[in-house]
Amino acid sequence: LERLDQSSMGIPALRASLLGTFLAEARPRLEQLGQAVVTHDARRVEFEAHGLKGMCLTLGADVCGEVFAEMERLGREQQPGAVGPLLKRAHLEMTRTERYIATLERMAA
């Protein structure tokens, strides 16, 4: 919560926007990352993982961000095939983050 508050500068509308953007864009980007792994597109793996890492860290979802940081590194090192085993963990962490956001939204209502 502290990181989210810092990222949103304590502005409720900005906080809601950051959370909404994550919910709207993170899953599609994770699917694009999965496609990049299938096609062995290291550059796309790095790009999508970098974006997802940033989204997670902005919200304070550090564990989720760490998974994407590792995927980004593997993409940068031209090892997109090594990302495959991390996809399941990424999906689990993404689900965990989405559930936490839902809890935050219920608390704010």
PDB file of N, CA and C in Angstrom:
ATOM      1  N   LEU A   1       0.819  -1.200   0.000  1.00  0.00           N
ATOM      2  CA  LEU A   1       0.000   0.000   0.000  1.00  0.00           C
ATOM      3  C   LEU A   1       0.858   1.257   0.000  1.00  0.00           C
ATOM      4  N   GLU A   2       1.986   1.183   0.680  1.00  0.00           N
ATOM      5  CA  GLU A   2       2.868   2.351   0.729  1.00  0.00           C
ATOM      6  C   GLU A   2       3.366   2.724  -0.662  1.00  0.00           C
ATOM      7  N   ARG A   3       3.790   1.732  -1.427  1.00  0.00           N
ATOM      8  CA  ARG A   3       4.288   2.002  -2.780  1.00  0.00           C
ATOM      9  C   ARG A   3       3.190   2.555  -3.666  1.00  0.00           C
ATOM     10  N   LEU A   4       2.001   1.976  -3.568  1.00  0.00           N
ATOM     11  CA  LEU A   4       0.859   2.461  -4.351  1.00  0.00           C
ATOM     12  C   LEU A   4       0.545   3.901  -3.978  1.00  0.00           C
ATOM     13  N   ASP A   5       0.612   4.210  -2.698  1.00  0.00           N
ATOM     14  CA  ASP A   5       0.340   5.575  -2.251  1.00  0.00           C
ATOM     15  C   ASP A   5       1.399   6.546  -2.787  1.00  0.00           C
ATOM     16  N   GLN A   6       2.658   6.098  -2.793  1.00  0.00           N
ATOM     17  CA  GLN A   6       3.727   6.940  -3.347  1.00  0.00           C
ATOM     18  C   GLN A   6       3.526   7.150  -4.852  1.00  0.00           C
ATOM     19  N   SER A   7       3.218   6.067  -5.556  1.00  0.00           N
ATOM     20  CA  SER A   7       3.036   6.147  -7.011  1.00  0.00           C
ATOM     21  C   SER A   7       1.870   7.056  -7.385  1.00  0.00           C
ATOM     22  N   SER A   8       0.841   7.051  -6.556  1.00  0.00           N
ATOM     23  CA  SER A   8      -0.343   7.869  -6.851  1.00  0.00           C
ATOM     24  C   SER A   8      -0.291   9.230  -6.176  1.00  0.00           C
ATOM     25  N   MET A   9       0.827   9.521  -5.486  1.00  0.00           N
ATOM     26  CA  MET A   9       1.018  10.789  -4.780  1.00  0.00           C
ATOM     27  C   MET A   9      -0.136  11.077  -3.820  1.00  0.00           C
ATOM     28  N   GLY A  10      -0.755  10.014  -3.330  1.00  0.00           N
ATOM     29  CA  GLY A  10      -1.853  10.175  -2.385  1.00  0.00           C
ATOM     30  C   GLY A  10      -3.142  10.687  -3.000  1.00  0.00           C
ATOM     31  N   ILE A  11      -3.204  10.725  -4.325  1.00  0.00           N
ATOM     32  CA  ILE A  11      -4.385  11.242  -5.026  1.00  0.00           C
ATOM     33  C   ILE A  11      -5.305  10.065  -5.343  1.00  0.00           C
ATOM     34  N   PRO A  12      -6.488  10.019  -4.724  1.00  0.00           N
ATOM     35  CA  PRO A  12      -7.380   8.869  -4.925  1.00  0.00           C
ATOM     36  C   PRO A  12      -7.707   8.577  -6.396  1.00  0.00           C
ATOM     37  N   ALA A  13      -7.913   9.604  -7.198  1.00  0.00           N
ATOM     38  CA  ALA A  13      -8.247   9.383  -8.612  1.00  0.00           C
ATOM     39  C   ALA A  13      -7.068   8.753  -9.358  1.00  0.00           C
ATOM     40  N   LEU A  14      -5.856   9.172  -9.026  1.00  0.00           N
ATOM     41  CA  LEU A  14      -4.673   8.596  -9.674  1.00  0.00           C
ATOM     42  C   LEU A  14      -4.479   7.146  -9.213  1.00  0.00           C
ATOM     43  N   ARG A  15      -4.714   6.908  -7.944  1.00  0.00           N
ATOM     44  CA  ARG A  15      -4.637   5.538  -7.418  1.00  0.00           C
ATOM     45  C   ARG A  15      -5.620   4.634  -8.159  1.00  0.00           C
ATOM     46  N   ALA A  16      -6.852   5.090  -8.301  1.00  0.00           N
ATOM     47  CA  ALA A  16      -7.865   4.311  -9.015  1.00  0.00           C
ATOM     48  C   ALA A  16      -7.457   4.092 -10.462  1.00  0.00           C
ATOM     49  N   SER A  17      -6.855   5.101 -11.080  1.00  0.00           N
ATOM     50  CA  SER A  17      -6.409   4.984 -12.464  1.00  0.00           C
ATOM     51  C   SER A  17      -5.295   3.949 -12.607  1.00  0.00           C
ATOM     52  N   LEU A  18      -4.331   3.959 -11.690  1.00  0.00           N
ATOM     53  CA  LEU A  18      -3.238   2.978 -11.734  1.00  0.00           C
ATOM     54  C   LEU A  18      -3.774   1.558 -11.577  1.00  0.00           C
ATOM     55  N   LEU A  19      -4.681   1.378 -10.635  1.00  0.00           N
ATOM     56  CA  LEU A  19      -5.259   0.050 -10.424  1.00  0.00           C
ATOM     57  C   LEU A  19      -6.090  -0.383 -11.626  1.00  0.00           C
ATOM     58  N   GLY A  20      -6.880   0.553 -12.172  1.00  0.00           N
ATOM     59  CA  GLY A  20      -7.705   0.247 -13.339  1.00  0.00           C
ATOM     60  C   GLY A  20      -6.867  -0.105 -14.555  1.00  0.00           C
ATOM     61  N   THR A  21      -5.787   0.626 -14.746  1.00  0.00           N
ATOM     62  CA  THR A  21      -4.891   0.351 -15.871  1.00  0.00           C
ATOM     63  C   THR A  21      -4.281  -1.043 -15.732  1.00  0.00           C
ATOM     64  N   PHE A  22      -3.855  -1.380 -14.527  1.00  0.00           N
ATOM     65  CA  PHE A  22      -3.297  -2.708 -14.305  1.00  0.00           C
ATOM     66  C   PHE A  22      -4.329  -3.778 -14.653  1.00  0.00           C
ATOM     67  N   LEU A  23      -5.543  -3.626 -14.138  1.00  0.00           N
ATOM     68  CA  LEU A  23      -6.581  -4.628 -14.376  1.00  0.00           C
ATOM     69  C   LEU A  23      -6.950  -4.739 -15.856  1.00  0.00           C
ATOM     70  N   ALA A  24      -6.902  -3.633 -16.563  1.00  0.00           N
ATOM     71  CA  ALA A  24      -7.289  -3.638 -17.978  1.00  0.00           C
ATOM     72  C   ALA A  24      -6.162  -4.134 -18.894  1.00  0.00           C
ATOM     73  N   GLU A  25      -4.920  -3.859 -18.531  1.00  0.00           N
ATOM     74  CA  GLU A  25      -3.818  -4.093 -19.470  1.00  0.00           C
ATOM     75  C   GLU A  25      -2.877  -5.243 -19.119  1.00  0.00           C
ATOM     76  N   ALA A  26      -2.816  -5.628 -17.863  1.00  0.00           N
ATOM     77  CA  ALA A  26      -1.811  -6.618 -17.466  1.00  0.00           C
ATOM     78  C   ALA A  26      -2.066  -7.993 -18.076  1.00  0.00           C
ATOM     79  N   ARG A  27      -3.291  -8.479 -18.013  1.00  0.00           N
ATOM     80  CA  ARG A  27      -3.582  -9.820 -18.574  1.00  0.00           C
ATOM     81  C   ARG A  27      -3.310  -9.885 -20.075  1.00  0.00           C
ATOM     82  N   PRO A  28      -3.795  -8.904 -20.854  1.00  0.00           N
ATOM     83  CA  PRO A  28      -3.482  -8.955 -22.286  1.00  0.00           C
ATOM     84  C   PRO A  28      -1.970  -8.930 -22.561  1.00  0.00           C
ATOM     85  N   ARG A  29      -1.236  -8.156 -21.773  1.00  0.00           N
ATOM     86  CA  ARG A  29       0.214  -8.114 -21.964  1.00  0.00           C
ATOM     87  C   ARG A  29       0.857  -9.439 -21.569  1.00  0.00           C
ATOM     88  N   LEU A  30       0.323 -10.100 -20.552  1.00  0.00           N
ATOM     89  CA  LEU A  30       0.840 -11.411 -20.164  1.00  0.00           C
ATOM     90  C   LEU A  30       0.582 -12.422 -21.274  1.00  0.00           C
ATOM     91  N   GLU A  31      -0.563 -12.326 -21.926  1.00  0.00           N
ATOM     92  CA  GLU A  31      -0.856 -13.215 -23.060  1.00  0.00           C
ATOM     93  C   GLU A  31       0.112 -12.940 -24.210  1.00  0.00           C
ATOM     94  N   GLN A  32       0.410 -11.662 -24.464  1.00  0.00           N
ATOM     95  CA  GLN A  32       1.373 -11.316 -25.510  1.00  0.00           C
ATOM     96  C   GLN A  32       2.759 -11.844 -25.163  1.00  0.00           C
ATOM     97  N   LEU A  33       3.102 -11.798 -23.893  1.00  0.00           N
ATOM     98  CA  LEU A  33       4.375 -12.347 -23.444  1.00  0.00           C
ATOM     99  C   LEU A  33       4.422 -13.850 -23.705  1.00  0.00           C
ATOM    100  N   GLY A  34       3.336 -14.532 -23.399  1.00  0.00           N
ATOM    101  CA  GLY A  34       3.266 -15.973 -23.663  1.00  0.00           C
ATOM    102  C   GLY A  34       3.428 -16.292 -25.137  1.00  0.00           C
ATOM    103  N   GLN A  35       2.807 -15.478 -25.997  1.00  0.00           N
ATOM    104  CA  GLN A  35       2.956 -15.677 -27.444  1.00  0.00           C
ATOM    105  C   GLN A  35       4.399 -15.458 -27.886  1.00  0.00           C
ATOM    106  N   ALA A  36       5.052 -14.465 -27.288  1.00  0.00           N
ATOM    107  CA  ALA A  36       6.451 -14.193 -27.624  1.00  0.00           C
ATOM    108  C   ALA A  36       7.341 -15.370 -27.227  1.00  0.00           C
ATOM    109  N   VAL A  37       7.007 -16.018 -26.129  1.00  0.00           N
ATOM    110  CA  VAL A  37       7.768 -17.202 -25.713  1.00  0.00           C
ATOM    111  C   VAL A  37       7.586 -18.317 -26.737  1.00  0.00           C
ATOM    112  N   VAL A  38       6.336 -18.529 -27.157  1.00  0.00           N
ATOM    113  CA  VAL A  38       6.033 -19.585 -28.134  1.00  0.00           C
ATOM    114  C   VAL A  38       6.781 -19.361 -29.443  1.00  0.00           C
ATOM    115  N   THR A  39       6.862 -18.112 -29.875  1.00  0.00           N
ATOM    116  CA  THR A  39       7.525 -17.794 -31.149  1.00  0.00           C
ATOM    117  C   THR A  39       9.014 -17.505 -30.989  1.00  0.00           C
ATOM    118  N   HIS A  40       9.527 -17.646 -29.777  1.00  0.00           N
ATOM    119  CA  HIS A  40      10.947 -17.415 -29.475  1.00  0.00           C
ATOM    120  C   HIS A  40      11.392 -16.003 -29.851  1.00  0.00           C
ATOM    121  N   ASP A  41      10.524 -15.033 -29.592  1.00  0.00           N
ATOM    122  CA  ASP A  41      10.816 -13.632 -29.891  1.00  0.00           C
ATOM    123  C   ASP A  41      11.399 -12.973 -28.640  1.00  0.00           C
ATOM    124  N   ALA A  42      12.715 -13.057 -28.509  1.00  0.00           N
ATOM    125  CA  ALA A  42      13.394 -12.573 -27.310  1.00  0.00           C
ATOM    126  C   ALA A  42      13.160 -11.078 -27.076  1.00  0.00           C
ATOM    127  N   ARG A  43      13.170 -10.321 -28.135  1.00  0.00           N
ATOM    128  CA  ARG A  43      12.970  -8.876 -27.990  1.00  0.00           C
ATOM    129  C   ARG A  43      11.588  -8.553 -27.441  1.00  0.00           C
ATOM    130  N   ARG A  44      10.580  -9.260 -27.932  1.00  0.00           N
ATOM    131  CA  ARG A  44       9.206  -9.055 -27.457  1.00  0.00           C
ATOM    132  C   ARG A  44       9.053  -9.539 -26.012  1.00  0.00           C
ATOM    133  N   VAL A  45       9.719 -10.645 -25.676  1.00  0.00           N
ATOM    134  CA  VAL A  45       9.710 -11.132 -24.293  1.00  0.00           C
ATOM    135  C   VAL A  45      10.257 -10.041 -23.372  1.00  0.00           C
ATOM    136  N   GLU A  46      11.397  -9.501 -23.743  1.00  0.00           N
ATOM    137  CA  GLU A  46      12.005  -8.448 -22.927  1.00  0.00           C
ATOM    138  C   GLU A  46      11.077  -7.242 -22.805  1.00  0.00           C
ATOM    139  N   PHE A  47      10.485  -6.817 -23.912  1.00  0.00           N
ATOM    140  CA  PHE A  47       9.607  -5.645 -23.926  1.00  0.00           C
ATOM    141  C   PHE A  47       8.384  -5.844 -23.034  1.00  0.00           C
ATOM    142  N   GLU A  48       7.674  -6.958 -23.228  1.00  0.00           N
ATOM    143  CA  GLU A  48       6.451  -7.206 -22.456  1.00  0.00           C
ATOM    144  C   GLU A  48       6.765  -7.422 -20.982  1.00  0.00           C
ATOM    145  N   ALA A  49       7.826  -8.169 -20.690  1.00  0.00           N
ATOM    146  CA  ALA A  49       8.197  -8.410 -19.303  1.00  0.00           C
ATOM    147  C   ALA A  49       8.597  -7.103 -18.616  1.00  0.00           C
ATOM    148  N   HIS A  50       9.288  -6.244 -19.332  1.00  0.00           N
ATOM    149  CA  HIS A  50       9.688  -4.952 -18.774  1.00  0.00           C
ATOM    150  C   HIS A  50       8.450  -4.121 -18.404  1.00  0.00           C
ATOM    151  N   GLY A  51       7.492  -4.064 -19.314  1.00  0.00           N
ATOM    152  CA  GLY A  51       6.272  -3.307 -19.050  1.00  0.00           C
ATOM    153  C   GLY A  51       5.484  -3.870 -17.877  1.00  0.00           C
ATOM    154  N   LEU A  52       5.367  -5.170 -17.829  1.00  0.00           N
ATOM    155  CA  LEU A  52       4.639  -5.810 -16.727  1.00  0.00           C
ATOM    156  C   LEU A  52       5.367  -5.619 -15.403  1.00  0.00           C
ATOM    157  N   LYS A  53       6.673  -5.699 -15.434  1.00  0.00           N
ATOM    158  CA  LYS A  53       7.466  -5.461 -14.223  1.00  0.00           C
ATOM    159  C   LYS A  53       7.177  -4.062 -13.681  1.00  0.00           C
ATOM    160  N   GLY A  54       7.196  -3.090 -14.566  1.00  0.00           N
ATOM    161  CA  GLY A  54       6.937  -1.718 -14.151  1.00  0.00           C
ATOM    162  C   GLY A  54       5.541  -1.530 -13.578  1.00  0.00           C
ATOM    163  N   MET A  55       4.562  -2.147 -14.209  1.00  0.00           N
ATOM    164  CA  MET A  55       3.190  -2.049 -13.715  1.00  0.00           C
ATOM    165  C   MET A  55       3.088  -2.634 -12.308  1.00  0.00           C
ATOM    166  N   CYS A  56       3.698  -3.788 -12.109  1.00  0.00           N
ATOM    167  CA  CYS A  56       3.639  -4.448 -10.801  1.00  0.00           C
ATOM    168  C   CYS A  56       4.351  -3.630  -9.729  1.00  0.00           C
ATOM    169  N   LEU A  57       5.546  -3.170 -10.037  1.00  0.00           N
ATOM    170  CA  LEU A  57       6.315  -2.431  -9.041  1.00  0.00           C
ATOM    171  C   LEU A  57       5.667  -1.101  -8.697  1.00  0.00           C
ATOM    172  N   THR A  58       4.987  -0.492  -9.649  1.00  0.00           N
ATOM    173  CA  THR A  58       4.265   0.756  -9.383  1.00  0.00           C
ATOM    174  C   THR A  58       3.189   0.553  -8.329  1.00  0.00           C
ATOM    175  N   LEU A  59       2.577  -0.630  -8.350  1.00  0.00           N
ATOM    176  CA  LEU A  59       1.514  -0.937  -7.392  1.00  0.00           C
ATOM    177  C   LEU A  59       2.052  -1.476  -6.073  1.00  0.00           C
ATOM    178  N   GLY A  60       3.325  -1.848  -6.051  1.00  0.00           N
ATOM    179  CA  GLY A  60       3.892  -2.458  -4.856  1.00  0.00           C
ATOM    180  C   GLY A  60       3.780  -3.971  -4.858  1.00  0.00           C
ATOM    181  N   ALA A  61       3.465  -4.550  -5.996  1.00  0.00           N
ATOM    182  CA  ALA A  61       3.381  -6.013  -6.130  1.00  0.00           C
ATOM    183  C   ALA A  61       4.787  -6.527  -6.458  1.00  0.00           C
ATOM    184  N   ASP A  62       5.643  -6.497  -5.443  1.00  0.00           N
ATOM    185  CA  ASP A  62       7.065  -6.766  -5.647  1.00  0.00           C
ATOM    186  C   ASP A  62       7.368  -8.186  -6.117  1.00  0.00           C
ATOM    187  N   VAL A  63       6.699  -9.173  -5.556  1.00  0.00           N
ATOM    188  CA  VAL A  63       6.974 -10.561  -5.957  1.00  0.00           C
ATOM    189  C   VAL A  63       6.601 -10.748  -7.425  1.00  0.00           C
ATOM    190  N   CYS A  64       5.470 -10.217  -7.805  1.00  0.00           N
ATOM    191  CA  CYS A  64       5.045 -10.277  -9.211  1.00  0.00           C
ATOM    192  C   CYS A  64       6.087  -9.569 -10.087  1.00  0.00           C
ATOM    193  N   GLY A  65       6.531  -8.408  -9.651  1.00  0.00           N
ATOM    194  CA  GLY A  65       7.534  -7.657 -10.391  1.00  0.00           C
ATOM    195  C   GLY A  65       8.844  -8.413 -10.535  1.00  0.00           C
ATOM    196  N   GLU A  66       9.225  -9.155  -9.505  1.00  0.00           N
ATOM    197  CA  GLU A  66      10.466  -9.937  -9.555  1.00  0.00           C
ATOM    198  C   GLU A  66      10.396 -11.036 -10.612  1.00  0.00           C
ATOM    199  N   VAL A  67       9.240 -11.659 -10.739  1.00  0.00           N
ATOM    200  CA  VAL A  67       9.069 -12.702 -11.767  1.00  0.00           C
ATOM    201  C   VAL A  67       9.278 -12.092 -13.143  1.00  0.00           C
ATOM    202  N   PHE A  68       8.664 -10.929 -13.376  1.00  0.00           N
ATOM    203  CA  PHE A  68       8.808 -10.291 -14.684  1.00  0.00           C
ATOM    204  C   PHE A  68      10.212  -9.742 -14.893  1.00  0.00           C
ATOM    205  N   ALA A  69      10.884  -9.337 -13.828  1.00  0.00           N
ATOM    206  CA  ALA A  69      12.277  -8.890 -13.959  1.00  0.00           C
ATOM    207  C   ALA A  69      13.159 -10.036 -14.454  1.00  0.00           C
ATOM    208  N   GLU A  70      12.930 -11.230 -13.932  1.00  0.00           N
ATOM    209  CA  GLU A  70      13.695 -12.397 -14.377  1.00  0.00           C
ATOM    210  C   GLU A  70      13.379 -12.713 -15.844  1.00  0.00           C
ATOM    211  N   MET A  71      12.110 -12.610 -16.215  1.00  0.00           N
ATOM    212  CA  MET A  71      11.734 -12.850 -17.613  1.00  0.00           C
ATOM    213  C   MET A  71      12.372 -11.804 -18.530  1.00  0.00           C
ATOM    214  N   GLU A  72      12.374 -10.570 -18.077  1.00  0.00           N
ATOM    215  CA  GLU A  72      13.004  -9.499 -18.860  1.00  0.00           C
ATOM    216  C   GLU A  72      14.483  -9.800 -19.080  1.00  0.00           C
ATOM    217  N   ARG A  73      15.163 -10.217 -18.026  1.00  0.00           N
ATOM    218  CA  ARG A  73      16.590 -10.546 -18.132  1.00  0.00           C
ATOM    219  C   ARG A  73      16.823 -11.657 -19.146  1.00  0.00           C
ATOM    220  N   LEU A  74      15.994 -12.692 -19.084  1.00  0.00           N
ATOM    221  CA  LEU A  74      16.140 -13.806 -20.023  1.00  0.00           C
ATOM    222  C   LEU A  74      15.893 -13.366 -21.463  1.00  0.00           C
ATOM    223  N   GLY A  75      14.932 -12.487 -21.656  1.00  0.00           N
ATOM    224  CA  GLY A  75      14.698 -11.958 -23.000  1.00  0.00           C
ATOM    225  C   GLY A  75      15.892 -11.154 -23.490  1.00  0.00           C
ATOM    226  N   ARG A  76      16.403 -10.301 -22.621  1.00  0.00           N
ATOM    227  CA  ARG A  76      17.566  -9.472 -22.978  1.00  0.00           C
ATOM    228  C   ARG A  76      18.772 -10.344 -23.316  1.00  0.00           C
ATOM    229  N   GLU A  77      18.897 -11.475 -22.623  1.00  0.00           N
ATOM    230  CA  GLU A  77      20.020 -12.392 -22.866  1.00  0.00           C
ATOM    231  C   GLU A  77      19.726 -13.385 -23.991  1.00  0.00           C
ATOM    232  N   GLN A  78      18.667 -13.125 -24.751  1.00  0.00           N
ATOM    233  CA  GLN A  78      18.315 -13.959 -25.908  1.00  0.00           C
ATOM    234  C   GLN A  78      18.020 -15.405 -25.510  1.00  0.00           C
ATOM    235  N   GLN A  79      17.313 -15.578 -24.380  1.00  0.00           N
ATOM    236  CA  GLN A  79      16.945 -16.906 -23.908  1.00  0.00           C
ATOM    237  C   GLN A  79      15.427 -16.992 -23.696  1.00  0.00           C
ATOM    238  N   PRO A  80      14.641 -16.687 -24.718  1.00  0.00           N
ATOM    239  CA  PRO A  80      13.192 -16.684 -24.522  1.00  0.00           C
ATOM    240  C   PRO A  80      12.626 -18.045 -24.152  1.00  0.00           C
ATOM    241  N   GLY A  81      13.269 -19.116 -24.580  1.00  0.00           N
ATOM    242  CA  GLY A  81      12.792 -20.451 -24.238  1.00  0.00           C
ATOM    243  C   GLY A  81      12.863 -20.736 -22.745  1.00  0.00           C
ATOM    244  N   ALA A  82      13.784 -20.083 -22.065  1.00  0.00           N
ATOM    245  CA  ALA A  82      13.940 -20.278 -20.627  1.00  0.00           C
ATOM    246  C   ALA A  82      12.838 -19.577 -19.836  1.00  0.00           C
ATOM    247  N   VAL A  83      12.074 -18.723 -20.500  1.00  0.00           N
ATOM    248  CA  VAL A  83      10.989 -17.987 -19.841  1.00  0.00           C
ATOM    249  C   VAL A  83       9.781 -18.890 -19.619  1.00  0.00           C
ATOM    250  N   GLY A  84       9.606 -19.880 -20.482  1.00  0.00           N
ATOM    251  CA  GLY A  84       8.439 -20.760 -20.421  1.00  0.00           C
ATOM    252  C   GLY A  84       8.101 -21.269 -19.029  1.00  0.00           C
ATOM    253  N   PRO A  85       9.072 -21.837 -18.307  1.00  0.00           N
ATOM    254  CA  PRO A  85       8.760 -22.344 -16.975  1.00  0.00           C
ATOM    255  C   PRO A  85       8.290 -21.266 -15.991  1.00  0.00           C
ATOM    256  N   LEU A  86       8.650 -20.019 -16.249  1.00  0.00           N
ATOM    257  CA  LEU A  86       8.239 -18.930 -15.358  1.00  0.00           C
ATOM    258  C   LEU A  86       6.810 -18.441 -15.637  1.00  0.00           C
ATOM    259  N   LEU A  87       6.249 -18.839 -16.777  1.00  0.00           N
ATOM    260  CA  LEU A  87       4.915 -18.357 -17.132  1.00  0.00           C
ATOM    261  C   LEU A  87       3.849 -18.778 -16.124  1.00  0.00           C
ATOM    262  N   LYS A  88       3.927 -20.009 -15.649  1.00  0.00           N
ATOM    263  CA  LYS A  88       2.940 -20.467 -14.669  1.00  0.00           C
ATOM    264  C   LYS A  88       3.019 -19.623 -13.399  1.00  0.00           C
ATOM    265  N   ARG A  89       4.228 -19.380 -12.946  1.00  0.00           N
ATOM    266  CA  ARG A  89       4.400 -18.543 -11.748  1.00  0.00           C
ATOM    267  C   ARG A  89       3.899 -17.129 -12.005  1.00  0.00           C
ATOM    268  N   ALA A  90       4.144 -16.602 -13.203  1.00  0.00           N
ATOM    269  CA  ALA A  90       3.668 -15.261 -13.541  1.00  0.00           C
ATOM    270  C   ALA A  90       2.141 -15.202 -13.483  1.00  0.00           C
ATOM    271  N   HIS A  91       1.482 -16.233 -14.005  1.00  0.00           N
ATOM    272  CA  HIS A  91       0.022 -16.275 -13.960  1.00  0.00           C
ATOM    273  C   HIS A  91      -0.479 -16.327 -12.508  1.00  0.00           C
ATOM    274  N   LEU A  92       0.185 -17.120 -11.682  1.00  0.00           N
ATOM    275  CA  LEU A  92      -0.202 -17.212 -10.273  1.00  0.00           C
ATOM    276  C   LEU A  92      -0.029 -15.877  -9.553  1.00  0.00           C
ATOM    277  N   GLU A  93       1.101 -15.228  -9.783  1.00  0.00           N
ATOM    278  CA  GLU A  93       1.347 -13.936  -9.133  1.00  0.00           C
ATOM    279  C   GLU A  93       0.386 -12.864  -9.653  1.00  0.00           C
ATOM    280  N   MET A  94       0.068 -12.939 -10.933  1.00  0.00           N
ATOM    281  CA  MET A  94      -0.880 -11.986 -11.512  1.00  0.00           C
ATOM    282  C   MET A  94      -2.253 -12.171 -10.854  1.00  0.00           C
ATOM    283  N   THR A  95      -2.681 -13.401 -10.702  1.00  0.00           N
ATOM    284  CA  THR A  95      -3.960 -13.681 -10.053  1.00  0.00           C
ATOM    285  C   THR A  95      -3.945 -13.179  -8.616  1.00  0.00           C
ATOM    286  N   ARG A  96      -2.859 -13.421  -7.926  1.00  0.00           N
ATOM    287  CA  ARG A  96      -2.729 -12.946  -6.547  1.00  0.00           C
ATOM    288  C   ARG A  96      -2.840 -11.424  -6.472  1.00  0.00           C
ATOM    289  N   THR A  97      -2.204 -10.741  -7.407  1.00  0.00           N
ATOM    290  CA  THR A  97      -2.245  -9.274  -7.441  1.00  0.00           C
ATOM    291  C   THR A  97      -3.655  -8.785  -7.761  1.00  0.00           C
ATOM    292  N   GLU A  98      -4.302  -9.423  -8.707  1.00  0.00           N
ATOM    293  CA  GLU A  98      -5.674  -9.039  -9.059  1.00  0.00           C
ATOM    294  C   GLU A  98      -6.619  -9.223  -7.871  1.00  0.00           C
ATOM    295  N   ARG A  99      -6.439 -10.293  -7.139  1.00  0.00           N
ATOM    296  CA  ARG A  99      -7.281 -10.528  -5.954  1.00  0.00           C
ATOM    297  C   ARG A  99      -7.038  -9.462  -4.890  1.00  0.00           C
ATOM    298  N   TYR A 100      -5.811  -9.070  -4.732  1.00  0.00           N
ATOM    299  CA  TYR A 100      -5.491  -8.032  -3.763  1.00  0.00           C
ATOM    300  C   TYR A 100      -6.127  -6.706  -4.171  1.00  0.00           C
ATOM    301  N   ILE A 101      -6.077  -6.401  -5.455  1.00  0.00           N
ATOM    302  CA  ILE A 101      -6.710  -5.180  -5.954  1.00  0.00           C
ATOM    303  C   ILE A 101      -8.218  -5.228  -5.694  1.00  0.00           C
ATOM    304  N   ALA A 102      -8.819  -6.368  -5.917  1.00  0.00           N
ATOM    305  CA  ALA A 102     -10.256  -6.505  -5.653  1.00  0.00           C
ATOM    306  C   ALA A 102     -10.557  -6.254  -4.175  1.00  0.00           C
ATOM    307  N   THR A 103      -9.675  -6.731  -3.299  1.00  0.00           N
ATOM    308  CA  THR A 103      -9.839  -6.494  -1.865  1.00  0.00           C
ATOM    309  C   THR A 103      -9.722  -4.999  -1.555  1.00  0.00           C
ATOM    310  N   LEU A 104      -8.763  -4.338  -2.160  1.00  0.00           N
ATOM    311  CA  LEU A 104      -8.601  -2.896  -1.965  1.00  0.00           C
ATOM    312  C   LEU A 104      -9.842  -2.136  -2.427  1.00  0.00           C
ATOM    313  N   GLU A 105     -10.377  -2.559  -3.568  1.00  0.00           N
ATOM    314  CA  GLU A 105     -11.554  -1.872  -4.107  1.00  0.00           C
ATOM    315  C   GLU A 105     -12.764  -2.075  -3.190  1.00  0.00           C
ATOM    316  N   ARG A 106     -12.908  -3.262  -2.630  1.00  0.00           N
ATOM    317  CA  ARG A 106     -14.012  -3.506  -1.689  1.00  0.00           C
ATOM    318  C   ARG A 106     -13.857  -2.660  -0.443  1.00  0.00           C
ATOM    319  N   MET A 107     -12.625  -2.500   0.022  1.00  0.00           N
ATOM    320  CA  MET A 107     -12.372  -1.703   1.216  1.00  0.00           C
ATOM    321  C   MET A 107     -12.663  -0.221   0.959  1.00  0.00           C
ATOM    322  N   ALA A 108     -12.382   0.228  -0.257  1.00  0.00           N
ATOM    323  CA  ALA A 108     -12.604   1.638  -0.590  1.00  0.00           C
ATOM    324  C   ALA A 108     -14.073   1.963  -0.815  1.00  0.00           C
ATOM    325  N   ALA A 109     -14.862   0.952  -1.118  1.00  0.00           N
ATOM    326  CA  ALA A 109     -16.291   1.193  -1.426  1.00  0.00           C
ATOM    327  C   ALA A 109     -17.116   1.470  -0.182  1.00  0.00           C
TER     328      ALA A 109
END
